[in-house]
Amino acid sequence: MIAQNRKARHDYHIGDRFEAGMVLTGTEVKSLRQGRASLADAFATVDDGEVWLRNAHIPEYSHGTWTNHAARRTRKLLLNRREIEKLAKETDGSGKTIVPLAIYFSDGYAKVEIAVGVGKKAWDKRQTIAERDANRETQRALAARNRGE
């Protein structure tokens, strides 16, 4: 796991997930192998039958030369045609967006996990936090009961 977008799970209701390959330059791969990336403001769009990752920050490679890449350039994502069509259909004008959740290496290839997300309202976020706290309390109570306290 190179980078994870924890804020996405807090800000969005996560729907269908997809694993996509990324079209990268050599210095981007080397920078990712150093574990340096951020998905804080990133999102993806479907344009002309292609999926593009926008605003993801992969910093310049420290030992790169004039061939270094731009840190926030738009990167193409590699998906099957059916997956692209499904993403395009789900995000057409319905308040849904494509959110990147994580960047990682799989079999030597850089992959990004994307998902269709619907934005949460403030009360949704509070409700999620309350449910998480209630689950923690019940787990603590069960653990204490099993210990015999």
C-alpha atoms as a PDB file:
ATOM      1  CA  MET A   1       0.000   0.000   0.000  1.00  0.00           C
ATOM      2  CA  ILE A   2       1.532   3.289  -1.108  1.00  0.00           C
ATOM      3  CA  ALA A   3      -1.203   5.820  -0.448  1.00  0.00           C
ATOM      4  CA  GLN A   4      -4.664   5.592   1.039  1.00  0.00           C
ATOM      5  CA  ASN A   5      -7.511   8.089   0.911  1.00  0.00           C
ATOM      6  CA  ARG A   6      -9.032   7.738   4.387  1.00  0.00           C
ATOM      7  CA  LYS A   7     -10.968  10.947   4.008  1.00  0.00           C
ATOM      8  CA  ALA A   8     -12.936   9.445   1.099  1.00  0.00           C
ATOM      9  CA  ARG A   9     -14.589   6.895   3.369  1.00  0.00           C
ATOM     10  CA  HIS A  10     -15.532   9.725   5.733  1.00  0.00           C
ATOM     11  CA  ASP A  11     -16.881  12.075   3.048  1.00  0.00           C
ATOM     12  CA  TYR A  12     -18.596   9.608   0.677  1.00  0.00           C
ATOM     13  CA  HIS A  13     -20.912   6.612   0.702  1.00  0.00           C
ATOM     14  CA  ILE A  14     -18.745   4.145  -1.236  1.00  0.00           C
ATOM     15  CA  GLY A  15     -20.433   2.039  -3.919  1.00  0.00           C
ATOM     16  CA  ASP A  16     -18.925  -0.185  -6.617  1.00  0.00           C
ATOM     17  CA  ARG A  17     -15.148  -0.587  -6.496  1.00  0.00           C
ATOM     18  CA  PHE A  18     -12.782  -1.125  -9.402  1.00  0.00           C
ATOM     19  CA  GLU A  19      -9.069  -1.880  -9.717  1.00  0.00           C
ATOM     20  CA  ALA A  20      -7.421   0.113 -12.484  1.00  0.00           C
ATOM     21  CA  GLY A  21      -3.932   0.230 -13.893  1.00  0.00           C
ATOM     22  CA  MET A  22      -2.165   3.570 -14.241  1.00  0.00           C
ATOM     23  CA  VAL A  23      -0.172   4.954 -17.166  1.00  0.00           C
ATOM     24  CA  LEU A  24       2.980   6.337 -15.512  1.00  0.00           C
ATOM     25  CA  THR A  25       6.407   7.608 -16.475  1.00  0.00           C
ATOM     26  CA  GLY A  26       9.605   6.116 -15.076  1.00  0.00           C
ATOM     27  CA  THR A  27      10.214   8.817 -12.483  1.00  0.00           C
ATOM     28  CA  GLU A  28       6.633   8.464 -11.225  1.00  0.00           C
ATOM     29  CA  VAL A  29       7.131   4.746 -10.625  1.00  0.00           C
ATOM     30  CA  LYS A  30      10.393   5.402  -8.770  1.00  0.00           C
ATOM     31  CA  SER A  31       8.714   8.037  -6.625  1.00  0.00           C
ATOM     32  CA  LEU A  32       5.867   5.622  -5.838  1.00  0.00           C
ATOM     33  CA  ARG A  33       8.350   2.905  -4.898  1.00  0.00           C
ATOM     34  CA  GLN A  34       9.735   5.334  -2.305  1.00  0.00           C
ATOM     35  CA  GLY A  35       6.209   5.418  -0.844  1.00  0.00           C
ATOM     36  CA  ARG A  36       5.473   9.006  -1.710  1.00  0.00           C
ATOM     37  CA  ALA A  37       1.987   9.877  -2.974  1.00  0.00           C
ATOM     38  CA  SER A  38      -1.160  11.660  -1.846  1.00  0.00           C
ATOM     39  CA  LEU A  39      -4.786  11.178  -2.871  1.00  0.00           C
ATOM     40  CA  ALA A  40      -6.210  13.933  -0.654  1.00  0.00           C
ATOM     41  CA  ASP A  41      -7.821  16.049  -3.392  1.00  0.00           C
ATOM     42  CA  ALA A  42      -7.873  13.463  -6.169  1.00  0.00           C
ATOM     43  CA  PHE A  43     -10.848  12.410  -8.276  1.00  0.00           C
ATOM     44  CA  ALA A  44     -11.427  10.629 -11.563  1.00  0.00           C
ATOM     45  CA  THR A  45     -13.483  11.529 -14.626  1.00  0.00           C
ATOM     46  CA  VAL A  46     -14.710   9.708 -17.717  1.00  0.00           C
ATOM     47  CA  ASP A  47     -13.922  11.698 -20.879  1.00  0.00           C
ATOM     48  CA  ASP A  48     -14.500  10.336 -24.397  1.00  0.00           C
ATOM     49  CA  GLY A  49     -14.548   6.708 -23.270  1.00  0.00           C
ATOM     50  CA  GLU A  50     -11.368   7.006 -21.164  1.00  0.00           C
ATOM     51  CA  VAL A  51     -10.944   7.356 -17.403  1.00  0.00           C
ATOM     52  CA  TRP A  52      -8.530  10.004 -16.103  1.00  0.00           C
ATOM     53  CA  LEU A  53      -7.142  10.431 -12.580  1.00  0.00           C
ATOM     54  CA  ARG A  54      -6.939  14.113 -11.758  1.00  0.00           C
ATOM     55  CA  ASN A  55      -5.225  16.044  -8.971  1.00  0.00           C
ATOM     56  CA  ALA A  56      -3.359  13.044  -7.500  1.00  0.00           C
ATOM     57  CA  HIS A  57      -0.026  14.190  -6.092  1.00  0.00           C
ATOM     58  CA  ILE A  58       3.008  12.062  -6.900  1.00  0.00           C
ATOM     59  CA  PRO A  59       6.018  14.215  -5.973  1.00  0.00           C
ATOM     60  CA  GLU A  60       9.001  14.567  -8.264  1.00  0.00           C
ATOM     61  CA  TYR A  61      11.640  11.863  -7.982  1.00  0.00           C
ATOM     62  CA  SER A  62      14.502  13.174  -5.830  1.00  0.00           C
ATOM     63  CA  HIS A  63      17.249  11.851  -8.153  1.00  0.00           C
ATOM     64  CA  GLY A  64      15.423  12.751 -11.360  1.00  0.00           C
ATOM     65  CA  THR A  65      16.891  15.088 -13.934  1.00  0.00           C
ATOM     66  CA  TRP A  66      15.255  17.212 -16.585  1.00  0.00           C
ATOM     67  CA  THR A  67      13.038  14.209 -17.395  1.00  0.00           C
ATOM     68  CA  ASN A  68      11.141  14.534 -14.103  1.00  0.00           C
ATOM     69  CA  HIS A  69       7.342  14.600 -14.212  1.00  0.00           C
ATOM     70  CA  ALA A  70       4.836  17.224 -13.090  1.00  0.00           C
ATOM     71  CA  ALA A  71       3.567  16.368  -9.599  1.00  0.00           C
ATOM     72  CA  ARG A  72      -0.171  16.851 -10.242  1.00  0.00           C
ATOM     73  CA  ARG A  73      -0.481  15.889 -13.890  1.00  0.00           C
ATOM     74  CA  THR A  74      -3.546  14.073 -15.249  1.00  0.00           C
ATOM     75  CA  ARG A  75      -2.958  10.321 -15.485  1.00  0.00           C
ATOM     76  CA  LYS A  76      -4.831   7.805 -17.617  1.00  0.00           C
ATOM     77  CA  LEU A  77      -6.430   4.812 -15.899  1.00  0.00           C
ATOM     78  CA  LEU A  78      -6.673   1.437 -17.610  1.00  0.00           C
ATOM     79  CA  LEU A  79     -10.024  -0.347 -17.335  1.00  0.00           C
ATOM     80  CA  ASN A  80     -12.104  -2.707 -19.455  1.00  0.00           C
ATOM     81  CA  ARG A  81     -14.653  -1.160 -21.801  1.00  0.00           C
ATOM     82  CA  ARG A  82     -17.558  -2.590 -19.770  1.00  0.00           C
ATOM     83  CA  GLU A  83     -16.150  -1.079 -16.571  1.00  0.00           C
ATOM     84  CA  ILE A  84     -15.710   2.311 -18.239  1.00  0.00           C
ATOM     85  CA  GLU A  85     -19.271   2.220 -19.565  1.00  0.00           C
ATOM     86  CA  LYS A  86     -20.572   1.271 -16.117  1.00  0.00           C
ATOM     87  CA  LEU A  87     -18.647   4.148 -14.498  1.00  0.00           C
ATOM     88  CA  ALA A  88     -19.887   6.596 -17.125  1.00  0.00           C
ATOM     89  CA  LYS A  89     -23.499   5.468 -16.682  1.00  0.00           C
ATOM     90  CA  GLU A  90     -23.373   5.702 -12.883  1.00  0.00           C
ATOM     91  CA  THR A  91     -21.798   9.154 -12.752  1.00  0.00           C
ATOM     92  CA  ASP A  92     -23.986  10.872 -15.356  1.00  0.00           C
ATOM     93  CA  GLY A  93     -25.687  13.807 -13.623  1.00  0.00           C
ATOM     94  CA  SER A  94     -26.754  11.983 -10.477  1.00  0.00           C
ATOM     95  CA  GLY A  95     -24.476  13.612  -7.890  1.00  0.00           C
ATOM     96  CA  LYS A  96     -22.046  10.696  -7.909  1.00  0.00           C
ATOM     97  CA  THR A  97     -18.314  10.958  -8.390  1.00  0.00           C
ATOM     98  CA  ILE A  98     -15.391   8.601  -8.945  1.00  0.00           C
ATOM     99  CA  VAL A  99     -13.119   8.637  -5.899  1.00  0.00           C
ATOM    100  CA  PRO A 100      -9.671   7.006  -5.692  1.00  0.00           C
ATOM    101  CA  LEU A 101      -9.320   4.989  -2.479  1.00  0.00           C
ATOM    102  CA  ALA A 102      -5.761   3.634  -2.625  1.00  0.00           C
ATOM    103  CA  ILE A 103      -2.619   3.304  -4.730  1.00  0.00           C
ATOM    104  CA  TYR A 104      -0.614   0.092  -4.432  1.00  0.00           C
ATOM    105  CA  PHE A 105       1.631  -2.265  -6.373  1.00  0.00           C
ATOM    106  CA  SER A 106       0.275  -5.595  -7.612  1.00  0.00           C
ATOM    107  CA  ASP A 107       2.637  -7.972  -9.434  1.00  0.00           C
ATOM    108  CA  GLY A 108       5.015  -5.078 -10.068  1.00  0.00           C
ATOM    109  CA  TYR A 109       2.357  -2.832 -11.617  1.00  0.00           C
ATOM    110  CA  ALA A 110       1.004   0.326  -9.998  1.00  0.00           C
ATOM    111  CA  LYS A 111      -2.735   0.012  -9.420  1.00  0.00           C
ATOM    112  CA  VAL A 112      -5.343   2.417  -8.110  1.00  0.00           C
ATOM    113  CA  GLU A 113      -8.565   1.343  -6.422  1.00  0.00           C
ATOM    114  CA  ILE A 114     -11.421   3.606  -7.455  1.00  0.00           C
ATOM    115  CA  ALA A 115     -15.023   3.629  -6.342  1.00  0.00           C
ATOM    116  CA  VAL A 116     -18.265   5.392  -7.153  1.00  0.00           C
ATOM    117  CA  GLY A 117     -19.094   7.659  -4.236  1.00  0.00           C
ATOM    118  CA  VAL A 118     -22.073   9.760  -3.186  1.00  0.00           C
ATOM    119  CA  GLY A 119     -21.271  12.716  -0.940  1.00  0.00           C
ATOM    120  CA  LYS A 120     -22.362  12.504   2.677  1.00  0.00           C
ATOM    121  CA  LYS A 121     -24.189  15.286   4.460  1.00  0.00           C
ATOM    122  CA  ALA A 122     -23.022  16.519   7.869  1.00  0.00           C
ATOM    123  CA  TRP A 123     -25.666  14.477   9.683  1.00  0.00           C
ATOM    124  CA  ASP A 124     -24.548  11.337   7.784  1.00  0.00           C
ATOM    125  CA  LYS A 125     -21.008  11.856   9.044  1.00  0.00           C
ATOM    126  CA  ARG A 126     -22.201  12.312  12.640  1.00  0.00           C
ATOM    127  CA  GLN A 127     -24.356   9.196  12.345  1.00  0.00           C
ATOM    128  CA  THR A 128     -21.409   7.154  11.054  1.00  0.00           C
ATOM    129  CA  ILE A 129     -19.223   8.321  13.946  1.00  0.00           C
ATOM    130  CA  ALA A 130     -21.981   7.492  16.459  1.00  0.00           C
ATOM    131  CA  GLU A 131     -22.399   3.983  15.000  1.00  0.00           C
ATOM    132  CA  ARG A 132     -18.661   3.373  15.109  1.00  0.00           C
ATOM    133  CA  ASP A 133     -18.481   4.495  18.764  1.00  0.00           C
ATOM    134  CA  ALA A 134     -21.447   2.291  19.694  1.00  0.00           C
ATOM    135  CA  ASN A 135     -19.803  -0.721  18.036  1.00  0.00           C
ATOM    136  CA  ARG A 136     -16.584  -0.060  19.952  1.00  0.00           C
ATOM    137  CA  GLU A 137     -18.478   0.099  23.247  1.00  0.00           C
ATOM    138  CA  THR A 138     -20.266  -3.184  22.586  1.00  0.00           C
ATOM    139  CA  GLN A 139     -16.963  -4.867  21.640  1.00  0.00           C
ATOM    140  CA  ARG A 140     -15.368  -3.582  24.864  1.00  0.00           C
ATOM    141  CA  ALA A 141     -18.319  -4.804  26.921  1.00  0.00           C
ATOM    142  CA  LEU A 142     -18.187  -8.252  25.308  1.00  0.00           C
ATOM    143  CA  ALA A 143     -14.428  -8.472  25.845  1.00  0.00           C
ATOM    144  CA  ALA A 144     -14.802  -7.483  29.500  1.00  0.00           C
ATOM    145  CA  ARG A 145     -17.605 -10.036  29.962  1.00  0.00           C
ATOM    146  CA  ASN A 146     -15.497 -12.787  28.387  1.00  0.00           C
ATOM    147  CA  ARG A 147     -12.585 -11.928  30.675  1.00  0.00           C
ATOM    148  CA  GLY A 148     -14.907 -12.297  33.686  1.00  0.00           C
ATOM    149  CA  GLU A 149     -14.789  -8.716  34.916  1.00  0.00           C
END
